[in-house]
C-alpha atoms as a PDB file:
ATOM      1  CA  MET A   1    -116.049-169.008 -30.706  1.00  0.00           C
ATOM      2  CA  SER A   2    -113.250-170.284 -32.312  1.00  0.00           C
ATOM      3  CA  GLU A   3    -110.377-168.806 -33.405  1.00  0.00           C
ATOM      4  CA  ASP A   4    -110.125-166.827 -36.617  1.00  0.00           C
ATOM      5  CA  PRO A   5    -108.354-169.065 -39.198  1.00  0.00           C
ATOM      6  CA  ILE A   6    -105.940-166.820 -40.481  1.00  0.00           C
ATOM      7  CA  ALA A   7    -105.203-165.287 -36.997  1.00  0.00           C
ATOM      8  CA  ASN A   8    -101.105-166.390 -35.846  1.00  0.00           C
ATOM      9  CA  ARG A   9    -100.465-167.308 -39.551  1.00  0.00           C
ATOM     10  CA  SER A  10     -98.530-165.775 -42.443  1.00  0.00           C
ATOM     11  CA  VAL A  11    -100.800-164.361 -45.600  1.00  0.00           C
ATOM     12  CA  LEU A  12     -99.769-163.244 -49.064  1.00  0.00           C
ATOM     13  CA  ILE A  13    -101.525-160.439 -50.468  1.00  0.00           C
ATOM     14  CA  THR A  14    -100.915-159.457 -54.132  1.00  0.00           C
ATOM     15  CA  GLY A  15    -101.870-155.561 -55.148  1.00  0.00           C
ATOM     16  CA  ALA A  16    -101.623-154.403 -51.590  1.00  0.00           C
ATOM     17  CA  ASN A  17    -100.280-151.043 -52.542  1.00  0.00           C
ATOM     18  CA  ARG A  18    -103.949-149.537 -52.840  1.00  0.00           C
ATOM     19  CA  GLY A  19    -107.276-149.981 -52.795  1.00  0.00           C
ATOM     20  CA  ILE A  20    -108.978-153.658 -52.152  1.00  0.00           C
ATOM     21  CA  GLY A  21    -105.606-154.872 -51.473  1.00  0.00           C
ATOM     22  CA  GLN A  22    -104.769-152.770 -48.748  1.00  0.00           C
ATOM     23  CA  ALA A  23    -108.271-153.036 -47.139  1.00  0.00           C
ATOM     24  CA  LEU A  24    -107.025-156.990 -47.626  1.00  0.00           C
ATOM     25  CA  VAL A  25    -103.665-156.015 -45.879  1.00  0.00           C
ATOM     26  CA  GLU A  26    -105.579-153.898 -42.860  1.00  0.00           C
ATOM     27  CA  GLU A  27    -108.569-156.793 -42.337  1.00  0.00           C
ATOM     28  CA  ALA A  28    -105.720-159.255 -42.135  1.00  0.00           C
ATOM     29  CA  LEU A  29    -103.409-157.389 -39.246  1.00  0.00           C
ATOM     30  CA  ARG A  30    -107.055-156.746 -37.698  1.00  0.00           C
ATOM     31  CA  ARG A  31    -107.695-160.368 -37.509  1.00  0.00           C
ATOM     32  CA  GLY A  32    -104.597-161.388 -36.047  1.00  0.00           C
ATOM     33  CA  ALA A  33    -102.238-162.442 -38.999  1.00  0.00           C
ATOM     34  CA  SER A  34     -98.860-162.749 -37.790  1.00  0.00           C
ATOM     35  CA  ARG A  35     -96.944-161.280 -41.058  1.00  0.00           C
ATOM     36  CA  VAL A  36     -98.896-160.175 -43.930  1.00  0.00           C
ATOM     37  CA  TYR A  37     -96.360-160.283 -47.389  1.00  0.00           C
ATOM     38  CA  ALA A  38     -97.264-157.525 -49.785  1.00  0.00           C
ATOM     39  CA  PRO A  39     -95.631-156.758 -53.389  1.00  0.00           C
ATOM     40  CA  GLY A  40     -92.599-154.516 -53.558  1.00  0.00           C
ATOM     41  CA  GLY A  41     -90.637-156.706 -50.964  1.00  0.00           C
ATOM     42  CA  ARG A  42     -92.563-155.326 -48.263  1.00  0.00           C
ATOM     43  CA  SER A  43     -93.331-157.663 -45.229  1.00  0.00           C
ATOM     44  CA  ILE A  44     -95.645-156.424 -42.821  1.00  0.00           C
ATOM     45  CA  THR A  45     -95.546-157.945 -38.916  1.00  0.00           C
ATOM     46  CA  ARG A  46     -97.621-157.615 -36.177  1.00  0.00           C
ATOM     47  CA  THR A  47     -94.953-155.508 -34.480  1.00  0.00           C
ATOM     48  CA  ASN A  48     -94.749-153.006 -37.294  1.00  0.00           C
ATOM     49  CA  ALA A  49     -98.515-153.241 -37.989  1.00  0.00           C
ATOM     50  CA  SER A  50     -98.590-149.999 -40.053  1.00  0.00           C
ATOM     51  CA  PRO A  51     -99.415-151.237 -43.728  1.00  0.00           C
ATOM     52  CA  ARG A  52     -98.719-147.873 -45.390  1.00  0.00           C
END
């Protein structure tokens, strides 16, 4: 099986405060993104992976 294309990459998700955007943040972290950038200056890494 090949590695997920977002594993160990940085991801930018707009509208990540709620709804579909928040679900995308959670999914990106689940799939191994190393860092997720969300609105409002929020940056979520695998070490502080709680998107809320």
